[in-house]
Amino acid sequence: MTLPATTVPTRHPMDPDPAASTKARAVFALGLVALLTGALVGGVIPATIALLLARQVRRQAWSAGGYLTGSAWVRRGQRLAWAGIVLALTALVVATIAGLLHLAGTPGGQDFDPGTD
């Protein structure tokens, strides 16, 4: 008894090769920059650009029908971008609280000498 030969499915010659998305790595890089500069409030700009670019990458990957890779880079970049935004918001809240505490500690009104009526 002979076993049937297993045939390896071949791709159609017109099918494109899967290609890595260059924008996916840019999303990751911008997300990393957003995380590193988020505490300085400057991370909001690269985070916003990363999130907008991630939306474009997802749309292009969907229209490419699976031939555009890099979704893991996009997910990581989005997480880093959101973390950068959270750090920036936290820094703003801390600065606001510190400013209010400083303002509350200063006396209000005119500061006259003790013997002045």
N, C-alpha and C. Protein backbone atom coordinates (compact mmCIF):
# COMPACT_ATOMS: atom_id res chain seq x y z
N MET A 1 0.84 -1.16 0.00
CA MET A 1 0.00 0.00 0.00
C MET A 1 0.89 1.23 0.00
N THR A 2 0.60 2.13 -0.87
CA THR A 2 1.40 3.36 -0.98
C THR A 2 0.62 4.52 -0.39
N LEU A 3 1.35 5.37 0.26
CA LEU A 3 0.73 6.56 0.85
C LEU A 3 0.62 7.64 -0.21
N PRO A 4 -0.45 8.41 -0.14
CA PRO A 4 -0.57 9.48 -1.14
C PRO A 4 0.49 10.55 -0.87
N ALA A 5 1.01 11.06 -1.92
CA ALA A 5 2.03 12.11 -1.80
C ALA A 5 1.33 13.39 -1.33
N THR A 6 1.95 14.00 -0.35
CA THR A 6 1.37 15.25 0.15
C THR A 6 1.82 16.38 -0.76
N THR A 7 0.87 17.12 -1.16
CA THR A 7 1.20 18.24 -2.04
C THR A 7 1.22 19.52 -1.21
N VAL A 8 2.19 20.29 -1.46
CA VAL A 8 2.32 21.57 -0.77
C VAL A 8 1.51 22.58 -1.57
N PRO A 9 0.57 23.25 -0.90
CA PRO A 9 -0.20 24.23 -1.65
C PRO A 9 0.71 25.37 -2.10
N THR A 10 0.56 25.71 -3.33
CA THR A 10 1.36 26.81 -3.89
C THR A 10 0.53 28.06 -3.97
N ARG A 11 1.21 29.15 -3.85
CA ARG A 11 0.51 30.43 -3.97
C ARG A 11 0.27 30.76 -5.43
N HIS A 12 -0.73 31.53 -5.62
CA HIS A 12 -0.99 32.01 -6.97
C HIS A 12 0.11 32.99 -7.34
N PRO A 13 0.59 32.96 -8.56
CA PRO A 13 1.70 33.85 -8.94
C PRO A 13 1.36 35.34 -8.83
N MET A 14 0.09 35.69 -8.83
CA MET A 14 -0.29 37.10 -8.76
C MET A 14 -0.43 37.59 -7.32
N ASP A 15 -0.33 36.69 -6.34
CA ASP A 15 -0.42 37.10 -4.94
C ASP A 15 0.83 37.88 -4.54
N PRO A 16 0.65 38.97 -3.84
CA PRO A 16 1.83 39.72 -3.40
C PRO A 16 2.49 39.04 -2.20
N ASP A 17 3.75 39.34 -2.00
CA ASP A 17 4.45 38.85 -0.81
C ASP A 17 4.02 39.69 0.38
N PRO A 18 3.88 39.06 1.56
CA PRO A 18 3.60 39.86 2.75
C PRO A 18 4.75 40.83 3.01
N ALA A 19 4.40 42.06 3.30
CA ALA A 19 5.42 43.09 3.52
C ALA A 19 5.18 43.75 4.87
N ALA A 20 6.27 44.12 5.50
CA ALA A 20 6.18 44.81 6.78
C ALA A 20 5.82 46.27 6.56
N SER A 21 4.94 46.76 7.38
CA SER A 21 4.53 48.16 7.29
C SER A 21 5.60 49.05 7.91
N THR A 22 6.07 50.04 7.16
CA THR A 22 7.06 50.96 7.70
C THR A 22 6.43 51.91 8.70
N LYS A 23 5.16 52.18 8.53
CA LYS A 23 4.47 53.06 9.47
C LYS A 23 4.29 52.41 10.84
N ALA A 24 4.26 51.08 10.86
CA ALA A 24 4.09 50.37 12.14
C ALA A 24 5.27 50.63 13.05
N ARG A 25 6.46 50.62 12.50
CA ARG A 25 7.64 50.92 13.32
C ARG A 25 7.69 52.38 13.72
N ALA A 26 7.17 53.24 12.86
CA ALA A 26 7.10 54.66 13.21
C ALA A 26 6.13 54.88 14.36
N VAL A 27 5.03 54.14 14.38
CA VAL A 27 4.08 54.23 15.50
C VAL A 27 4.77 53.81 16.79
N PHE A 28 5.54 52.73 16.73
CA PHE A 28 6.25 52.28 17.93
C PHE A 28 7.27 53.31 18.39
N ALA A 29 8.03 53.86 17.45
CA ALA A 29 9.05 54.85 17.82
C ALA A 29 8.42 56.10 18.42
N LEU A 30 7.33 56.58 17.83
CA LEU A 30 6.64 57.75 18.37
C LEU A 30 6.03 57.45 19.74
N GLY A 31 5.51 56.24 19.91
CA GLY A 31 4.97 55.86 21.21
C GLY A 31 6.05 55.81 22.27
N LEU A 32 7.23 55.34 21.90
CA LEU A 32 8.34 55.30 22.84
C LEU A 32 8.79 56.71 23.22
N VAL A 33 8.86 57.59 22.24
CA VAL A 33 9.21 58.99 22.51
C VAL A 33 8.16 59.63 23.41
N ALA A 34 6.89 59.31 23.16
CA ALA A 34 5.81 59.85 23.98
C ALA A 34 5.92 59.37 25.42
N LEU A 35 6.29 58.11 25.61
CA LEU A 35 6.45 57.60 26.96
C LEU A 35 7.62 58.26 27.68
N LEU A 36 8.73 58.43 26.96
CA LEU A 36 9.92 59.00 27.58
C LEU A 36 9.77 60.49 27.91
N THR A 37 8.99 61.21 27.11
CA THR A 37 8.83 62.65 27.35
C THR A 37 7.46 62.99 27.93
N GLY A 38 6.68 61.97 28.28
CA GLY A 38 5.34 62.21 28.81
C GLY A 38 5.32 62.96 30.12
N ALA A 39 6.27 62.67 30.99
CA ALA A 39 6.29 63.34 32.29
C ALA A 39 6.65 64.81 32.15
N LEU A 40 7.24 65.18 31.05
CA LEU A 40 7.59 66.58 30.80
C LEU A 40 6.52 67.30 30.00
N VAL A 41 5.38 66.68 29.81
CA VAL A 41 4.20 67.18 29.10
C VAL A 41 4.47 67.30 27.60
N GLY A 42 5.70 67.12 27.16
CA GLY A 42 5.99 67.18 25.73
C GLY A 42 5.62 65.91 25.01
N GLY A 43 5.23 64.88 25.72
CA GLY A 43 4.89 63.61 25.10
C GLY A 43 3.53 63.56 24.46
N VAL A 44 2.75 64.62 24.64
CA VAL A 44 1.40 64.63 24.07
C VAL A 44 1.47 64.71 22.54
N ILE A 45 2.40 65.46 22.03
CA ILE A 45 2.48 65.65 20.57
C ILE A 45 2.88 64.35 19.87
N PRO A 46 3.99 63.69 20.25
CA PRO A 46 4.29 62.43 19.57
C PRO A 46 3.24 61.35 19.83
N ALA A 47 2.59 61.39 20.98
CA ALA A 47 1.54 60.40 21.27
C ALA A 47 0.35 60.59 20.34
N THR A 48 -0.02 61.84 20.13
CA THR A 48 -1.13 62.12 19.22
C THR A 48 -0.80 61.70 17.79
N ILE A 49 0.40 62.00 17.36
CA ILE A 49 0.82 61.61 16.01
C ILE A 49 0.85 60.08 15.90
N ALA A 50 1.33 59.41 16.95
CA ALA A 50 1.39 57.95 16.93
C ALA A 50 -0.01 57.35 16.84
N LEU A 51 -0.96 57.90 17.57
CA LEU A 51 -2.32 57.36 17.53
C LEU A 51 -2.99 57.61 16.18
N LEU A 52 -2.75 58.77 15.60
CA LEU A 52 -3.30 59.04 14.27
C LEU A 52 -2.66 58.15 13.21
N LEU A 53 -1.36 57.95 13.32
CA LEU A 53 -0.66 57.08 12.37
C LEU A 53 -1.09 55.63 12.53
N ALA A 54 -1.35 55.22 13.77
CA ALA A 54 -1.80 53.85 14.02
C ALA A 54 -3.15 53.60 13.36
N ARG A 55 -3.99 54.60 13.37
CA ARG A 55 -5.29 54.45 12.70
C ARG A 55 -5.11 54.26 11.20
N GLN A 56 -4.17 54.98 10.62
CA GLN A 56 -3.88 54.82 9.19
C GLN A 56 -3.32 53.43 8.90
N VAL A 57 -2.43 52.96 9.76
CA VAL A 57 -1.82 51.64 9.55
C VAL A 57 -2.88 50.55 9.62
N ARG A 58 -3.77 50.65 10.58
CA ARG A 58 -4.83 49.64 10.69
C ARG A 58 -5.75 49.65 9.47
N ARG A 59 -6.05 50.83 8.98
CA ARG A 59 -6.89 50.94 7.79
C ARG A 59 -6.18 50.35 6.57
N GLN A 60 -4.88 50.62 6.42
CA GLN A 60 -4.12 50.09 5.30
C GLN A 60 -3.95 48.58 5.41
N ALA A 61 -3.75 48.07 6.62
CA ALA A 61 -3.61 46.63 6.82
C ALA A 61 -4.91 45.91 6.48
N TRP A 62 -6.03 46.52 6.82
CA TRP A 62 -7.31 45.90 6.50
C TRP A 62 -7.54 45.87 4.99
N SER A 63 -7.20 46.97 4.32
CA SER A 63 -7.40 47.01 2.86
C SER A 63 -6.38 46.15 2.13
N ALA A 64 -5.25 45.84 2.75
CA ALA A 64 -4.24 44.99 2.12
C ALA A 64 -4.62 43.51 2.19
N GLY A 65 -5.60 43.19 2.99
CA GLY A 65 -6.10 41.82 3.04
C GLY A 65 -5.13 40.82 3.66
N GLY A 66 -4.35 41.26 4.63
CA GLY A 66 -3.46 40.34 5.32
C GLY A 66 -2.04 40.32 4.78
N TYR A 67 -1.76 41.08 3.76
CA TYR A 67 -0.41 41.08 3.18
C TYR A 67 0.46 42.19 3.75
N LEU A 68 -0.06 42.97 4.68
CA LEU A 68 0.71 44.01 5.34
C LEU A 68 0.87 43.62 6.80
N THR A 69 2.07 43.40 7.23
CA THR A 69 2.32 42.92 8.59
C THR A 69 2.78 44.07 9.47
N GLY A 70 2.86 43.81 10.77
CA GLY A 70 3.34 44.81 11.71
C GLY A 70 2.31 45.21 12.75
N SER A 71 1.27 44.42 12.90
CA SER A 71 0.22 44.79 13.85
C SER A 71 0.72 44.75 15.29
N ALA A 72 1.70 43.90 15.59
CA ALA A 72 2.25 43.85 16.96
C ALA A 72 2.98 45.16 17.29
N TRP A 73 3.71 45.71 16.32
CA TRP A 73 4.39 46.99 16.54
C TRP A 73 3.38 48.10 16.77
N VAL A 74 2.27 48.04 16.05
CA VAL A 74 1.23 49.07 16.20
C VAL A 74 0.60 48.98 17.57
N ARG A 75 0.28 47.77 18.04
CA ARG A 75 -0.31 47.61 19.37
C ARG A 75 0.63 48.12 20.46
N ARG A 76 1.90 47.76 20.35
CA ARG A 76 2.87 48.23 21.35
C ARG A 76 2.99 49.75 21.31
N GLY A 77 3.04 50.31 20.11
CA GLY A 77 3.16 51.77 19.97
C GLY A 77 1.95 52.49 20.53
N GLN A 78 0.76 51.94 20.32
CA GLN A 78 -0.45 52.56 20.87
C GLN A 78 -0.44 52.51 22.39
N ARG A 79 -0.02 51.40 22.96
CA ARG A 79 0.05 51.31 24.42
C ARG A 79 1.04 52.32 24.99
N LEU A 80 2.19 52.45 24.34
CA LEU A 80 3.18 53.41 24.80
C LEU A 80 2.67 54.85 24.66
N ALA A 81 1.97 55.12 23.55
CA ALA A 81 1.43 56.46 23.34
C ALA A 81 0.40 56.81 24.41
N TRP A 82 -0.48 55.87 24.72
CA TRP A 82 -1.47 56.14 25.77
C TRP A 82 -0.81 56.32 27.13
N ALA A 83 0.24 55.55 27.38
CA ALA A 83 0.98 55.72 28.63
C ALA A 83 1.63 57.09 28.69
N GLY A 84 2.15 57.58 27.56
CA GLY A 84 2.72 58.92 27.51
C GLY A 84 1.68 60.00 27.78
N ILE A 85 0.48 59.81 27.26
CA ILE A 85 -0.60 60.78 27.50
C ILE A 85 -0.99 60.76 28.98
N VAL A 86 -1.07 59.57 29.56
CA VAL A 86 -1.41 59.47 30.99
C VAL A 86 -0.33 60.14 31.84
N LEU A 87 0.93 59.95 31.49
CA LEU A 87 2.01 60.62 32.23
C LEU A 87 1.92 62.13 32.10
N ALA A 88 1.60 62.62 30.92
CA ALA A 88 1.48 64.07 30.73
C ALA A 88 0.31 64.63 31.54
N LEU A 89 -0.82 63.94 31.54
CA LEU A 89 -1.96 64.39 32.33
C LEU A 89 -1.65 64.35 33.83
N THR A 90 -0.93 63.31 34.25
CA THR A 90 -0.55 63.22 35.65
C THR A 90 0.38 64.38 36.03
N ALA A 91 1.31 64.71 35.16
CA ALA A 91 2.22 65.83 35.43
C ALA A 91 1.45 67.14 35.52
N LEU A 92 0.44 67.31 34.66
CA LEU A 92 -0.37 68.54 34.72
C LEU A 92 -1.17 68.62 36.01
N VAL A 93 -1.73 67.49 36.42
CA VAL A 93 -2.52 67.48 37.66
C VAL A 93 -1.62 67.78 38.86
N VAL A 94 -0.45 67.18 38.91
CA VAL A 94 0.48 67.42 40.02
C VAL A 94 0.92 68.88 40.03
N ALA A 95 1.21 69.44 38.85
CA ALA A 95 1.62 70.85 38.79
C ALA A 95 0.48 71.77 39.22
N THR A 96 -0.75 71.44 38.86
CA THR A 96 -1.90 72.25 39.27
C THR A 96 -2.09 72.20 40.79
N ILE A 97 -1.99 71.01 41.36
CA ILE A 97 -2.13 70.88 42.81
C ILE A 97 -1.02 71.63 43.52
N ALA A 98 0.22 71.51 43.02
CA ALA A 98 1.33 72.22 43.65
C ALA A 98 1.13 73.73 43.56
N GLY A 99 0.63 74.20 42.42
CA GLY A 99 0.36 75.63 42.27
C GLY A 99 -0.73 76.11 43.21
N LEU A 100 -1.78 75.33 43.37
CA LEU A 100 -2.86 75.70 44.28
C LEU A 100 -2.39 75.70 45.73
N LEU A 101 -1.58 74.73 46.09
CA LEU A 101 -1.04 74.70 47.46
C LEU A 101 -0.11 75.89 47.71
N HIS A 102 0.66 76.26 46.72
CA HIS A 102 1.53 77.43 46.86
C HIS A 102 0.69 78.70 46.99
N LEU A 103 -0.36 78.79 46.20
CA LEU A 103 -1.24 79.95 46.25
C LEU A 103 -1.98 80.02 47.59
N ALA A 104 -2.37 78.88 48.13
CA ALA A 104 -3.09 78.87 49.41
C ALA A 104 -2.16 79.22 50.57
N GLY A 105 -0.87 78.99 50.42
CA GLY A 105 0.06 79.27 51.50
C GLY A 105 0.45 80.73 51.61
N THR A 106 0.22 81.51 50.58
CA THR A 106 0.58 82.93 50.63
C THR A 106 -0.57 83.72 51.24
N PRO A 107 -0.27 84.70 52.08
CA PRO A 107 -1.35 85.51 52.68
C PRO A 107 -1.99 86.39 51.62
N GLY A 108 -3.27 86.60 51.77
CA GLY A 108 -4.00 87.44 50.82
C GLY A 108 -4.12 88.86 51.29
N GLY A 109 -4.29 89.79 50.40
CA GLY A 109 -4.50 91.20 50.75
C GLY A 109 -3.21 91.92 51.06
N GLN A 110 -3.36 93.14 51.59
CA GLN A 110 -2.23 93.98 51.94
C GLN A 110 -1.57 93.51 53.22
N ASP A 111 -0.28 93.63 53.31
CA ASP A 111 0.46 93.25 54.50
C ASP A 111 0.97 94.54 55.17
N PHE A 112 0.20 95.05 56.14
CA PHE A 112 0.55 96.29 56.84
C PHE A 112 1.40 95.97 58.08
N ASP A 113 2.09 96.97 58.57
CA ASP A 113 2.82 96.85 59.83
C ASP A 113 1.85 96.66 60.99
N PRO A 114 2.30 96.04 62.10
CA PRO A 114 1.40 95.78 63.22
C PRO A 114 0.81 97.04 63.84
N GLY A 115 1.49 98.16 63.81
CA GLY A 115 0.97 99.37 64.44
C GLY A 115 0.14 100.24 63.52
N THR A 116 -0.14 99.82 62.32
CA THR A 116 -0.88 100.63 61.36
C THR A 116 -2.37 100.39 61.52
N ASP A 117 -3.18 101.49 61.54
CA ASP A 117 -4.63 101.36 61.61
C ASP A 117 -5.24 101.35 60.24
